[in-house]
Structures are given as structure tokens and as C-alpha cells.
Amino acid sequence: MIRIIDYGSGNLRSVQKALQRHGAEAEITADPNRIADSERLVLPGVGAFADAMTALHDRGLVEPIQRYLAADRPFLGICMGLQLLFETGLEGGRHDGLGVLAGEVARFDLPRDFKVPHMGWNEVRWRVTSGPAEVFSQTQPPYFYFVHAYHVRPRDPEVIAAETDYCRPFCSAVQRGRLLATQFHPEKSQANGMRLLRYFLEQV
């Protein structure tokens, strides 16, 4: 069973429906015990870093997620679900994240010509040859849909699976073992998003 973590995020149903299009059983849950026995776990999300972490704590979900990831089990993070994996979020001060990956989440600091949030379709360049890179052509980088004002800054460059240019390159996906997380929204990215979700379901 695939479980989608419910901490009050607004895009749960769209993620669930996208997974179900591939014939997957996908359940939305806020039950810590159900997270522990998941075959695959998805952490989606939109909103503010601190609010998301508060919601995870209030529902008793932080430790179950951390234990699940420590066991290197199949995991997909989407947008805020990527950002929460890191040690620190810098939105409205310094806030602790899940601490699964070393690094921080910072607001874009860009010239006035570049609007923040970064919103719309953009290219994603996969940096590693394994993982999702096996699904997409390296000569024609695929486009995915983004909506975010903050981006992750990993301390370990080895976890950076993909980059995207918005004035300058930023990390748009991470990969470590069976953990995969993206800044873009696969569930809103049409055919390329469906291909990435299929990879998660069949290969991760």
C-alpha cells in the first residue's frame, strides 16, 4: 500500500489521483502506525516550512517519517515534501526540519527581472545516470511544473539528482538510496510527471 502523508497540505487528492492512474492503491493518512507499515511513502505539500513542521509534530508524524527513511524504504517527496527533509528552513527565521539531509532551505535572491515565486514550466537536467535519469532523454531535458519561492541548498553535492536554471542553477531534485524528492510537482506535470511517478512505483 502506498501512503500519502496528511498534515493539512492542499494537494493531497491530486497526488492520490495521479498515483491511482497507474493502478496503484494510494491511501491518504495521518496515522503514525500506518506510515510504519507502508510499502511506499509520499510526502507532498505546499505552504510555509514552519507551519508544515508544526503540523507534522502535532500529529505525531515526525519520528515515524524519520524511522521510515532511516531504513532506506521507498519514499517520494514533492515540493514542500522535498524541503522538509533538510535540517533548516529559513522562512520567517530559522526552523528545524526533519534533518534527513544536510543543508538548508532559502528564499530565491534574484534580480528584479526574475519573479518570486518561481512559477510555471521549466527544464530539469538530471545529473546522475541512474534513477530517474534512465527514464528521460539527456539530449532534450524534460519540462516539469514548479511553484515555489524557496529552494534547497544541500551540503552534500552527491544527493543532488537534478538541477534547473532560474537566473542561476538550483537543486530541483535529490536522490539518496530509495529516497527521491522533487521541487517540481509531478502530479501537475502531465506526461513527464506521469513517467516519473511510474518510475517511483515500478523501480524505486
N, C-alpha and C. Protein backbone atom coordinates (compact mmCIF):
# COMPACT_ATOMS: atom_id res chain seq x y z
N MET A 1 0.83 -1.20 0.00
CA MET A 1 0.00 0.00 0.00
C MET A 1 0.87 1.26 0.00
N ILE A 2 0.56 2.19 -0.88
CA ILE A 2 1.22 3.49 -0.89
C ILE A 2 0.45 4.41 0.04
N ARG A 3 1.16 5.09 0.92
CA ARG A 3 0.51 6.01 1.84
C ARG A 3 0.99 7.43 1.55
N ILE A 4 0.03 8.35 1.51
CA ILE A 4 0.30 9.77 1.29
C ILE A 4 0.08 10.48 2.62
N ILE A 5 1.09 11.15 3.11
CA ILE A 5 1.04 11.73 4.46
C ILE A 5 0.18 12.99 4.47
N ASP A 6 -0.78 12.99 5.36
CA ASP A 6 -1.71 14.11 5.50
C ASP A 6 -1.32 14.95 6.71
N TYR A 7 -0.79 16.15 6.46
CA TYR A 7 -0.53 17.07 7.56
C TYR A 7 -1.21 18.42 7.29
N GLY A 8 -2.28 18.38 6.47
CA GLY A 8 -3.02 19.60 6.16
C GLY A 8 -2.61 20.23 4.84
N SER A 9 -1.80 19.54 4.06
CA SER A 9 -1.38 20.06 2.75
C SER A 9 -2.56 20.10 1.80
N GLY A 10 -2.48 21.01 0.82
CA GLY A 10 -3.62 21.24 -0.06
C GLY A 10 -3.67 20.40 -1.32
N ASN A 11 -2.61 19.64 -1.65
CA ASN A 11 -2.60 18.93 -2.94
C ASN A 11 -2.64 17.42 -2.79
N LEU A 12 -3.22 16.94 -1.69
CA LEU A 12 -3.22 15.51 -1.43
C LEU A 12 -4.02 14.72 -2.47
N ARG A 13 -5.20 15.22 -2.80
CA ARG A 13 -6.08 14.48 -3.71
C ARG A 13 -5.49 14.40 -5.11
N SER A 14 -4.84 15.46 -5.56
CA SER A 14 -4.26 15.42 -6.91
C SER A 14 -3.12 14.42 -6.97
N VAL A 15 -2.34 14.32 -5.90
CA VAL A 15 -1.26 13.32 -5.85
C VAL A 15 -1.87 11.92 -5.82
N GLN A 16 -2.89 11.73 -5.01
CA GLN A 16 -3.54 10.42 -4.93
C GLN A 16 -4.10 10.00 -6.29
N LYS A 17 -4.78 10.91 -6.97
CA LYS A 17 -5.37 10.57 -8.26
C LYS A 17 -4.30 10.25 -9.30
N ALA A 18 -3.18 10.99 -9.26
CA ALA A 18 -2.10 10.73 -10.21
C ALA A 18 -1.52 9.33 -10.00
N LEU A 19 -1.37 8.90 -8.75
CA LEU A 19 -0.86 7.56 -8.48
C LEU A 19 -1.88 6.49 -8.88
N GLN A 20 -3.14 6.79 -8.64
CA GLN A 20 -4.18 5.82 -8.98
C GLN A 20 -4.31 5.62 -10.48
N ARG A 21 -3.92 6.61 -11.27
CA ARG A 21 -3.96 6.43 -12.73
C ARG A 21 -3.05 5.32 -13.19
N HIS A 22 -2.04 5.01 -12.38
CA HIS A 22 -1.13 3.90 -12.70
C HIS A 22 -1.60 2.59 -12.07
N GLY A 23 -2.80 2.59 -11.52
CA GLY A 23 -3.33 1.38 -10.92
C GLY A 23 -2.86 1.12 -9.51
N ALA A 24 -2.21 2.11 -8.89
CA ALA A 24 -1.69 1.93 -7.54
C ALA A 24 -2.78 2.16 -6.49
N GLU A 25 -2.69 1.41 -5.40
CA GLU A 25 -3.53 1.68 -4.24
C GLU A 25 -2.85 2.77 -3.43
N ALA A 26 -3.49 3.92 -3.32
CA ALA A 26 -2.89 5.05 -2.63
C ALA A 26 -3.86 5.58 -1.58
N GLU A 27 -3.43 5.59 -0.34
CA GLU A 27 -4.27 5.99 0.78
C GLU A 27 -3.70 7.25 1.43
N ILE A 28 -4.56 8.20 1.72
CA ILE A 28 -4.17 9.40 2.46
C ILE A 28 -4.34 9.12 3.94
N THR A 29 -3.31 9.39 4.74
CA THR A 29 -3.39 9.08 6.17
C THR A 29 -2.59 10.06 7.02
N ALA A 30 -3.06 10.25 8.24
CA ALA A 30 -2.33 10.99 9.27
C ALA A 30 -2.03 10.08 10.46
N ASP A 31 -2.15 8.77 10.26
CA ASP A 31 -1.96 7.79 11.32
C ASP A 31 -0.48 7.36 11.36
N PRO A 32 0.23 7.66 12.44
CA PRO A 32 1.65 7.28 12.52
C PRO A 32 1.88 5.79 12.33
N ASN A 33 0.97 4.95 12.81
CA ASN A 33 1.15 3.50 12.70
C ASN A 33 1.05 3.02 11.25
N ARG A 34 0.21 3.67 10.48
CA ARG A 34 0.05 3.26 9.08
C ARG A 34 1.26 3.67 8.25
N ILE A 35 1.94 4.74 8.66
CA ILE A 35 3.18 5.12 7.99
C ILE A 35 4.22 4.02 8.14
N ALA A 36 4.29 3.44 9.33
CA ALA A 36 5.32 2.44 9.62
C ALA A 36 5.20 1.21 8.73
N ASP A 37 3.97 0.80 8.36
CA ASP A 37 3.83 -0.42 7.56
C ASP A 37 3.54 -0.14 6.09
N SER A 38 3.87 1.06 5.62
CA SER A 38 3.67 1.41 4.21
C SER A 38 4.69 0.70 3.33
N GLU A 39 4.25 0.30 2.14
CA GLU A 39 5.19 -0.22 1.15
C GLU A 39 5.97 0.91 0.50
N ARG A 40 5.27 2.02 0.26
CA ARG A 40 5.87 3.22 -0.30
C ARG A 40 5.22 4.42 0.38
N LEU A 41 6.00 5.48 0.57
CA LEU A 41 5.51 6.64 1.31
C LEU A 41 5.71 7.89 0.48
N VAL A 42 4.69 8.75 0.46
CA VAL A 42 4.75 10.00 -0.29
C VAL A 42 4.49 11.16 0.67
N LEU A 43 5.36 12.15 0.64
CA LEU A 43 5.19 13.37 1.43
C LEU A 43 5.04 14.54 0.47
N PRO A 44 3.82 14.97 0.19
CA PRO A 44 3.61 16.12 -0.69
C PRO A 44 3.55 17.40 0.14
N GLY A 45 3.13 18.49 -0.46
CA GLY A 45 2.91 19.68 0.36
C GLY A 45 3.11 20.99 -0.35
N VAL A 46 2.39 21.96 0.15
CA VAL A 46 2.54 23.36 -0.24
C VAL A 46 2.43 24.18 1.04
N GLY A 47 2.88 25.44 1.00
CA GLY A 47 2.73 26.29 2.17
C GLY A 47 4.06 26.68 2.78
N ALA A 48 4.04 26.99 4.08
CA ALA A 48 5.21 27.51 4.78
C ALA A 48 5.92 26.39 5.54
N PHE A 49 7.23 26.44 5.55
CA PHE A 49 8.08 25.42 6.17
C PHE A 49 7.74 25.23 7.65
N ALA A 50 7.71 26.32 8.41
CA ALA A 50 7.48 26.21 9.86
C ALA A 50 6.10 25.65 10.16
N ASP A 51 5.10 26.09 9.41
CA ASP A 51 3.74 25.59 9.62
C ASP A 51 3.66 24.10 9.33
N ALA A 52 4.34 23.66 8.29
CA ALA A 52 4.33 22.24 7.93
C ALA A 52 4.99 21.40 9.02
N MET A 53 6.13 21.86 9.55
CA MET A 53 6.80 21.12 10.61
C MET A 53 5.94 21.09 11.88
N THR A 54 5.29 22.19 12.20
CA THR A 54 4.40 22.22 13.37
C THR A 54 3.27 21.20 13.20
N ALA A 55 2.70 21.13 12.00
CA ALA A 55 1.61 20.19 11.74
C ALA A 55 2.11 18.75 11.87
N LEU A 56 3.30 18.45 11.37
CA LEU A 56 3.85 17.10 11.49
C LEU A 56 4.07 16.73 12.96
N HIS A 57 4.60 17.68 13.75
CA HIS A 57 4.80 17.43 15.18
C HIS A 57 3.47 17.21 15.88
N ASP A 58 2.51 18.07 15.60
CA ASP A 58 1.22 17.99 16.28
C ASP A 58 0.52 16.66 16.03
N ARG A 59 0.76 16.05 14.87
CA ARG A 59 0.11 14.79 14.52
C ARG A 59 0.97 13.57 14.85
N GLY A 60 2.12 13.82 15.47
CA GLY A 60 2.99 12.72 15.85
C GLY A 60 3.63 12.00 14.68
N LEU A 61 3.91 12.73 13.61
CA LEU A 61 4.39 12.12 12.38
C LEU A 61 5.90 12.24 12.16
N VAL A 62 6.57 13.09 12.92
CA VAL A 62 7.99 13.34 12.65
C VAL A 62 8.83 12.08 12.85
N GLU A 63 8.73 11.46 14.01
CA GLU A 63 9.56 10.28 14.28
C GLU A 63 9.23 9.10 13.37
N PRO A 64 7.95 8.82 13.09
CA PRO A 64 7.67 7.73 12.15
C PRO A 64 8.27 7.96 10.76
N ILE A 65 8.24 9.19 10.28
CA ILE A 65 8.84 9.50 8.98
C ILE A 65 10.35 9.30 9.04
N GLN A 66 10.97 9.80 10.10
CA GLN A 66 12.43 9.68 10.24
C GLN A 66 12.84 8.21 10.31
N ARG A 67 12.09 7.39 11.05
CA ARG A 67 12.42 5.96 11.15
C ARG A 67 12.24 5.27 9.80
N TYR A 68 11.19 5.62 9.10
CA TYR A 68 10.94 5.04 7.78
C TYR A 68 12.12 5.33 6.84
N LEU A 69 12.56 6.58 6.83
CA LEU A 69 13.65 6.98 5.94
C LEU A 69 14.99 6.39 6.38
N ALA A 70 15.20 6.23 7.67
CA ALA A 70 16.44 5.64 8.17
C ALA A 70 16.60 4.20 7.70
N ALA A 71 15.48 3.55 7.42
CA ALA A 71 15.51 2.17 6.93
C ALA A 71 15.67 2.09 5.41
N ASP A 72 15.83 3.23 4.74
CA ASP A 72 16.01 3.30 3.28
C ASP A 72 14.88 2.58 2.55
N ARG A 73 13.66 2.99 2.86
CA ARG A 73 12.49 2.43 2.20
C ARG A 73 11.98 3.40 1.13
N PRO A 74 11.21 2.94 0.15
CA PRO A 74 10.81 3.80 -0.97
C PRO A 74 10.02 5.03 -0.52
N PHE A 75 10.52 6.19 -0.92
CA PHE A 75 9.95 7.46 -0.46
C PHE A 75 9.99 8.47 -1.59
N LEU A 76 8.89 9.22 -1.73
CA LEU A 76 8.83 10.32 -2.70
C LEU A 76 8.39 11.58 -1.98
N GLY A 77 9.20 12.62 -2.05
CA GLY A 77 8.84 13.93 -1.52
C GLY A 77 8.54 14.87 -2.68
N ILE A 78 7.52 15.71 -2.51
CA ILE A 78 7.09 16.63 -3.56
C ILE A 78 7.01 18.04 -3.01
N CYS A 79 7.74 18.96 -3.62
CA CYS A 79 7.71 20.39 -3.28
C CYS A 79 8.07 20.59 -1.80
N MET A 80 7.11 20.95 -0.94
CA MET A 80 7.41 21.09 0.48
C MET A 80 7.92 19.77 1.05
N GLY A 81 7.49 18.66 0.48
CA GLY A 81 7.97 17.35 0.91
C GLY A 81 9.44 17.14 0.63
N LEU A 82 10.01 17.86 -0.31
CA LEU A 82 11.47 17.91 -0.50
C LEU A 82 12.10 18.80 0.56
N GLN A 83 11.59 19.99 0.72
CA GLN A 83 12.20 20.97 1.62
C GLN A 83 12.25 20.50 3.07
N LEU A 84 11.21 19.81 3.51
CA LEU A 84 11.14 19.37 4.91
C LEU A 84 12.19 18.33 5.25
N LEU A 85 12.78 17.69 4.26
CA LEU A 85 13.82 16.69 4.51
C LEU A 85 15.09 17.30 5.07
N PHE A 86 15.28 18.58 4.90
CA PHE A 86 16.55 19.22 5.25
C PHE A 86 16.58 19.67 6.71
N GLU A 87 17.78 20.05 7.15
CA GLU A 87 17.98 20.40 8.55
C GLU A 87 17.28 21.68 8.96
N THR A 88 17.34 22.70 8.06
CA THR A 88 16.90 24.04 8.46
C THR A 88 16.12 24.72 7.36
N GLY A 89 15.02 25.36 7.74
CA GLY A 89 14.27 26.23 6.84
C GLY A 89 14.42 27.67 7.30
N LEU A 90 14.63 28.58 6.36
CA LEU A 90 14.92 29.98 6.68
C LEU A 90 13.76 30.92 6.40
N GLU A 91 12.56 30.38 6.32
CA GLU A 91 11.38 31.22 6.06
C GLU A 91 10.86 31.76 7.39
N GLY A 92 10.95 33.09 7.57
CA GLY A 92 10.48 33.71 8.81
C GLY A 92 11.32 33.33 10.02
N GLY A 93 12.63 33.23 9.84
CA GLY A 93 13.53 32.81 10.91
C GLY A 93 14.15 31.46 10.60
N ARG A 94 14.78 30.85 11.60
CA ARG A 94 15.40 29.53 11.44
C ARG A 94 14.51 28.49 12.10
N HIS A 95 14.18 27.45 11.34
CA HIS A 95 13.28 26.42 11.85
C HIS A 95 13.86 25.04 11.53
N ASP A 96 13.77 24.14 12.47
CA ASP A 96 14.28 22.78 12.27
C ASP A 96 13.37 22.00 11.33
N GLY A 97 14.00 21.28 10.39
CA GLY A 97 13.27 20.37 9.53
C GLY A 97 13.41 18.94 10.04
N LEU A 98 13.18 17.98 9.17
CA LEU A 98 13.29 16.58 9.56
C LEU A 98 14.74 16.15 9.76
N GLY A 99 15.68 16.88 9.17
CA GLY A 99 17.09 16.59 9.37
C GLY A 99 17.59 15.32 8.71
N VAL A 100 16.87 14.85 7.69
CA VAL A 100 17.29 13.64 6.98
C VAL A 100 18.45 13.94 6.05
N LEU A 101 18.46 15.14 5.47
CA LEU A 101 19.53 15.57 4.58
C LEU A 101 20.18 16.83 5.14
N ALA A 102 21.48 16.95 4.96
CA ALA A 102 22.20 18.12 5.45
C ALA A 102 22.01 19.30 4.50
N GLY A 103 21.71 20.46 5.07
CA GLY A 103 21.55 21.65 4.25
C GLY A 103 20.39 22.49 4.73
N GLU A 104 20.06 23.52 3.95
CA GLU A 104 19.02 24.46 4.35
C GLU A 104 18.11 24.79 3.18
N VAL A 105 17.00 25.44 3.52
CA VAL A 105 16.01 25.87 2.53
C VAL A 105 15.95 27.39 2.59
N ALA A 106 16.31 28.06 1.48
CA ALA A 106 16.44 29.51 1.46
C ALA A 106 15.57 30.12 0.35
N ARG A 107 15.18 31.35 0.54
CA ARG A 107 14.39 32.07 -0.46
C ARG A 107 15.28 32.43 -1.64
N PHE A 108 14.71 32.44 -2.83
CA PHE A 108 15.44 32.92 -4.01
C PHE A 108 15.87 34.36 -3.78
N ASP A 109 17.12 34.65 -4.09
CA ASP A 109 17.65 36.01 -4.04
C ASP A 109 18.09 36.34 -5.46
N LEU A 110 17.20 36.97 -6.22
CA LEU A 110 17.38 37.13 -7.66
C LEU A 110 17.21 38.58 -8.09
N PRO A 111 17.75 38.95 -9.26
CA PRO A 111 17.49 40.29 -9.81
C PRO A 111 15.99 40.52 -10.03
N ARG A 112 15.60 41.77 -10.11
CA ARG A 112 14.19 42.13 -10.23
C ARG A 112 13.51 41.53 -11.46
N ASP A 113 14.29 41.25 -12.48
CA ASP A 113 13.71 40.67 -13.70
C ASP A 113 13.11 39.29 -13.47
N PHE A 114 13.49 38.63 -12.39
CA PHE A 114 13.03 37.28 -12.11
C PHE A 114 12.00 37.32 -10.97
N LYS A 115 10.80 36.90 -11.29
CA LYS A 115 9.72 36.93 -10.30
C LYS A 115 9.88 35.81 -9.28
N VAL A 116 9.53 36.13 -8.06
CA VAL A 116 9.48 35.14 -6.99
C VAL A 116 8.08 35.20 -6.40
N PRO A 117 7.35 34.08 -6.37
CA PRO A 117 7.82 32.70 -6.59
C PRO A 117 8.11 32.36 -8.05
N HIS A 118 8.98 31.39 -8.20
CA HIS A 118 9.25 30.78 -9.49
C HIS A 118 8.05 29.90 -9.81
N MET A 119 7.34 30.23 -10.88
CA MET A 119 6.09 29.53 -11.19
C MET A 119 6.01 29.23 -12.67
N GLY A 120 5.65 27.99 -12.99
CA GLY A 120 5.46 27.60 -14.38
C GLY A 120 6.36 26.44 -14.77
N TRP A 121 6.44 26.23 -16.09
CA TRP A 121 7.19 25.10 -16.64
C TRP A 121 8.66 25.46 -16.81
N ASN A 122 9.54 24.51 -16.47
CA ASN A 122 10.97 24.74 -16.61
C ASN A 122 11.67 23.40 -16.84
N GLU A 123 12.86 23.49 -17.46
CA GLU A 123 13.64 22.29 -17.73
C GLU A 123 14.24 21.72 -16.46
N VAL A 124 14.35 20.41 -16.43
CA VAL A 124 15.03 19.70 -15.35
C VAL A 124 16.14 18.86 -15.95
N ARG A 125 17.38 19.12 -15.52
CA ARG A 125 18.55 18.38 -16.01
C ARG A 125 18.95 17.34 -14.95
N TRP A 126 18.81 16.08 -15.30
CA TRP A 126 19.20 15.03 -14.36
C TRP A 126 20.71 14.88 -14.38
N ARG A 127 21.34 14.94 -13.22
CA ARG A 127 22.80 14.95 -13.12
C ARG A 127 23.40 13.56 -13.04
N VAL A 128 22.64 12.60 -12.58
CA VAL A 128 23.18 11.25 -12.41
C VAL A 128 22.60 10.34 -13.48
N THR A 129 23.31 9.27 -13.79
CA THR A 129 22.87 8.39 -14.88
C THR A 129 21.90 7.33 -14.39
N SER A 130 21.86 7.08 -13.10
CA SER A 130 20.92 6.09 -12.56
C SER A 130 19.67 6.81 -12.07
N GLY A 131 18.67 6.04 -11.68
CA GLY A 131 17.45 6.65 -11.15
C GLY A 131 16.60 7.24 -12.25
N PRO A 132 15.90 8.36 -11.99
CA PRO A 132 15.00 8.94 -12.99
C PRO A 132 15.68 9.30 -14.30
N ALA A 133 16.99 9.54 -14.26
CA ALA A 133 17.70 9.86 -15.50
C ALA A 133 17.56 8.75 -16.54
N GLU A 134 17.32 7.53 -16.09
CA GLU A 134 17.16 6.41 -17.02
C GLU A 134 15.86 6.53 -17.83
N VAL A 135 14.93 7.33 -17.33
CA VAL A 135 13.61 7.45 -17.95
C VAL A 135 13.57 8.56 -19.00
N PHE A 136 14.41 9.58 -18.81
CA PHE A 136 14.32 10.77 -19.65
C PHE A 136 15.57 10.94 -20.52
N SER A 137 15.35 11.49 -21.70
CA SER A 137 16.45 11.77 -22.62
C SER A 137 17.37 12.83 -22.05
N GLN A 138 18.67 12.59 -22.17
CA GLN A 138 19.64 13.57 -21.69
C GLN A 138 19.93 14.65 -22.73
N THR A 139 19.52 14.42 -23.96
CA THR A 139 19.75 15.43 -25.00
C THR A 139 18.62 16.46 -25.06
N GLN A 140 17.44 16.08 -24.57
CA GLN A 140 16.31 17.00 -24.52
C GLN A 140 15.73 16.99 -23.11
N PRO A 141 16.25 17.84 -22.23
CA PRO A 141 15.79 17.84 -20.83
C PRO A 141 14.28 18.02 -20.75
N PRO A 142 13.62 17.23 -19.92
CA PRO A 142 12.16 17.32 -19.80
C PRO A 142 11.73 18.57 -19.03
N TYR A 143 10.51 19.00 -19.28
CA TYR A 143 9.93 20.12 -18.55
C TYR A 143 8.99 19.60 -17.46
N PHE A 144 9.02 20.28 -16.31
CA PHE A 144 8.12 19.98 -15.21
C PHE A 144 7.55 21.30 -14.66
N TYR A 145 6.49 21.17 -13.86
CA TYR A 145 5.79 22.36 -13.37
C TYR A 145 6.25 22.70 -11.94
N PHE A 146 6.61 23.98 -11.75
CA PHE A 146 7.12 24.48 -10.47
C PHE A 146 6.20 25.56 -9.90
N VAL A 147 6.12 25.60 -8.56
CA VAL A 147 5.53 26.73 -7.84
C VAL A 147 6.26 26.81 -6.50
N HIS A 148 7.22 27.74 -6.38
CA HIS A 148 7.96 27.83 -5.10
C HIS A 148 8.75 29.13 -5.04
N ALA A 149 8.87 29.64 -3.82
CA ALA A 149 9.68 30.82 -3.56
C ALA A 149 11.00 30.46 -2.87
N TYR A 150 11.07 29.25 -2.33
CA TYR A 150 12.26 28.78 -1.61
C TYR A 150 12.84 27.56 -2.33
N HIS A 151 14.12 27.36 -2.15
CA HIS A 151 14.79 26.22 -2.80
C HIS A 151 15.78 25.61 -1.82
N VAL A 152 16.11 24.34 -2.04
CA VAL A 152 17.01 23.64 -1.13
C VAL A 152 18.46 23.87 -1.53
N ARG A 153 19.33 23.91 -0.50
CA ARG A 153 20.78 24.05 -0.71
C ARG A 153 21.46 22.91 0.04
N PRO A 154 21.60 21.75 -0.61
CA PRO A 154 22.22 20.59 0.06
C PRO A 154 23.70 20.86 0.34
N ARG A 155 24.17 20.37 1.50
CA ARG A 155 25.60 20.47 1.80
C ARG A 155 26.38 19.38 1.09
N ASP A 156 25.74 18.26 0.82
CA ASP A 156 26.38 17.15 0.14
C ASP A 156 25.97 17.17 -1.33
N PRO A 157 26.87 17.54 -2.23
CA PRO A 157 26.50 17.59 -3.65
C PRO A 157 26.12 16.24 -4.23
N GLU A 158 26.50 15.15 -3.55
CA GLU A 158 26.21 13.82 -4.06
C GLU A 158 24.72 13.51 -4.07
N VAL A 159 23.92 14.21 -3.26
CA VAL A 159 22.48 13.92 -3.22
C VAL A 159 21.71 14.69 -4.29
N ILE A 160 22.37 15.64 -4.97
CA ILE A 160 21.68 16.43 -5.99
C ILE A 160 21.46 15.56 -7.23
N ALA A 161 20.20 15.25 -7.50
CA ALA A 161 19.87 14.40 -8.65
C ALA A 161 19.58 15.20 -9.90
N ALA A 162 19.11 16.45 -9.73
CA ALA A 162 18.73 17.26 -10.89
C ALA A 162 18.87 18.74 -10.55
N GLU A 163 19.08 19.52 -11.60
CA GLU A 163 19.17 20.98 -11.45
C GLU A 163 18.27 21.65 -12.48
N THR A 164 17.89 22.87 -12.15
CA THR A 164 17.07 23.70 -13.03
C THR A 164 17.61 25.12 -12.99
N ASP A 165 17.54 25.81 -14.11
CA ASP A 165 18.01 27.20 -14.17
C ASP A 165 16.87 28.17 -13.95
N TYR A 166 17.04 29.07 -12.99
CA TYR A 166 16.16 30.23 -12.85
C TYR A 166 17.07 31.38 -12.44
N CYS A 167 17.56 32.08 -13.42
CA CYS A 167 18.66 33.05 -13.30
C CYS A 167 19.97 32.32 -13.10
N ARG A 168 20.01 31.42 -12.14
CA ARG A 168 21.18 30.58 -11.89
C ARG A 168 20.70 29.18 -11.52
N PRO A 169 21.56 28.17 -11.59
CA PRO A 169 21.11 26.81 -11.30
C PRO A 169 20.71 26.64 -9.83
N PHE A 170 19.67 25.84 -9.61
CA PHE A 170 19.32 25.44 -8.25
C PHE A 170 18.97 23.95 -8.27
N CYS A 171 19.04 23.33 -7.11
CA CYS A 171 18.73 21.91 -6.97
C CYS A 171 17.23 21.71 -7.09
N SER A 172 16.80 20.91 -8.07
CA SER A 172 15.37 20.68 -8.27
C SER A 172 14.95 19.25 -7.95
N ALA A 173 15.90 18.38 -7.59
CA ALA A 173 15.57 17.02 -7.14
C ALA A 173 16.76 16.45 -6.39
N VAL A 174 16.45 15.61 -5.42
CA VAL A 174 17.50 14.89 -4.68
C VAL A 174 17.21 13.40 -4.74
N GLN A 175 18.28 12.63 -4.56
CA GLN A 175 18.16 11.18 -4.59
C GLN A 175 19.22 10.60 -3.67
N ARG A 176 18.80 9.72 -2.77
CA ARG A 176 19.76 9.00 -1.91
C ARG A 176 19.16 7.65 -1.58
N GLY A 177 19.78 6.60 -2.05
CA GLY A 177 19.20 5.28 -1.87
C GLY A 177 17.82 5.23 -2.52
N ARG A 178 16.82 4.85 -1.74
CA ARG A 178 15.46 4.76 -2.27
C ARG A 178 14.62 6.00 -1.91
N LEU A 179 15.31 7.04 -1.54
CA LEU A 179 14.67 8.34 -1.32
C LEU A 179 14.78 9.18 -2.59
N LEU A 180 13.65 9.66 -3.07
CA LEU A 180 13.60 10.56 -4.22
C LEU A 180 12.68 11.71 -3.85
N ALA A 181 13.12 12.94 -4.09
CA ALA A 181 12.27 14.10 -3.78
C ALA A 181 12.50 15.19 -4.81
N THR A 182 11.41 15.86 -5.20
CA THR A 182 11.47 16.85 -6.27
C THR A 182 10.89 18.18 -5.81
N GLN A 183 11.48 19.27 -6.30
CA GLN A 183 10.90 20.58 -6.05
C GLN A 183 9.68 20.82 -6.94
N PHE A 184 9.69 20.26 -8.11
CA PHE A 184 8.56 20.39 -9.03
C PHE A 184 7.44 19.44 -8.64
N HIS A 185 6.29 19.61 -9.29
CA HIS A 185 5.10 18.82 -8.99
C HIS A 185 4.87 17.79 -10.11
N PRO A 186 5.23 16.52 -9.90
CA PRO A 186 4.93 15.52 -10.94
C PRO A 186 3.45 15.41 -11.25
N GLU A 187 2.61 15.54 -10.22
CA GLU A 187 1.17 15.38 -10.42
C GLU A 187 0.56 16.48 -11.26
N LYS A 188 1.30 17.58 -11.50
CA LYS A 188 0.83 18.68 -12.33
C LYS A 188 1.62 18.79 -13.64
N SER A 189 2.49 17.81 -13.88
CA SER A 189 3.44 17.92 -14.99
C SER A 189 3.10 17.02 -16.17
N GLN A 190 1.84 16.66 -16.32
CA GLN A 190 1.34 15.95 -17.48
C GLN A 190 2.17 14.69 -17.76
N ALA A 191 2.55 14.45 -19.01
CA ALA A 191 3.16 13.18 -19.39
C ALA A 191 4.48 12.93 -18.66
N ASN A 192 5.32 13.95 -18.54
CA ASN A 192 6.60 13.75 -17.86
C ASN A 192 6.39 13.42 -16.38
N GLY A 193 5.43 14.07 -15.77
CA GLY A 193 5.13 13.77 -14.38
C GLY A 193 4.64 12.35 -14.21
N MET A 194 3.80 11.88 -15.13
CA MET A 194 3.31 10.51 -15.05
C MET A 194 4.45 9.50 -15.23
N ARG A 195 5.39 9.82 -16.09
CA ARG A 195 6.54 8.93 -16.28
C ARG A 195 7.38 8.85 -15.01
N LEU A 196 7.54 9.98 -14.33
CA LEU A 196 8.32 9.97 -13.09
C LEU A 196 7.59 9.18 -12.00
N LEU A 197 6.28 9.34 -11.89
CA LEU A 197 5.52 8.58 -10.89
C LEU A 197 5.58 7.08 -11.20
N ARG A 198 5.52 6.73 -12.49
CA ARG A 198 5.64 5.32 -12.86
C ARG A 198 7.00 4.77 -12.44
N TYR A 199 8.05 5.56 -12.63
CA TYR A 199 9.38 5.14 -12.18
C TYR A 199 9.37 4.88 -10.67
N PHE A 200 8.78 5.78 -9.91
CA PHE A 200 8.73 5.61 -8.46
C PHE A 200 7.99 4.33 -8.08
N LEU A 201 6.90 4.06 -8.76
CA LEU A 201 6.08 2.89 -8.45
C LEU A 201 6.75 1.58 -8.86
N GLU A 202 7.49 1.59 -9.96
CA GLU A 202 8.00 0.35 -10.52
C GLU A 202 9.47 0.10 -10.23
N GLN A 203 10.26 1.16 -10.05
CA GLN A 203 11.71 1.00 -9.97
C GLN A 203 12.30 1.33 -8.61
N VAL A 204 11.76 2.32 -7.92
CA VAL A 204 12.38 2.74 -6.66
C VAL A 204 12.23 1.63 -5.62
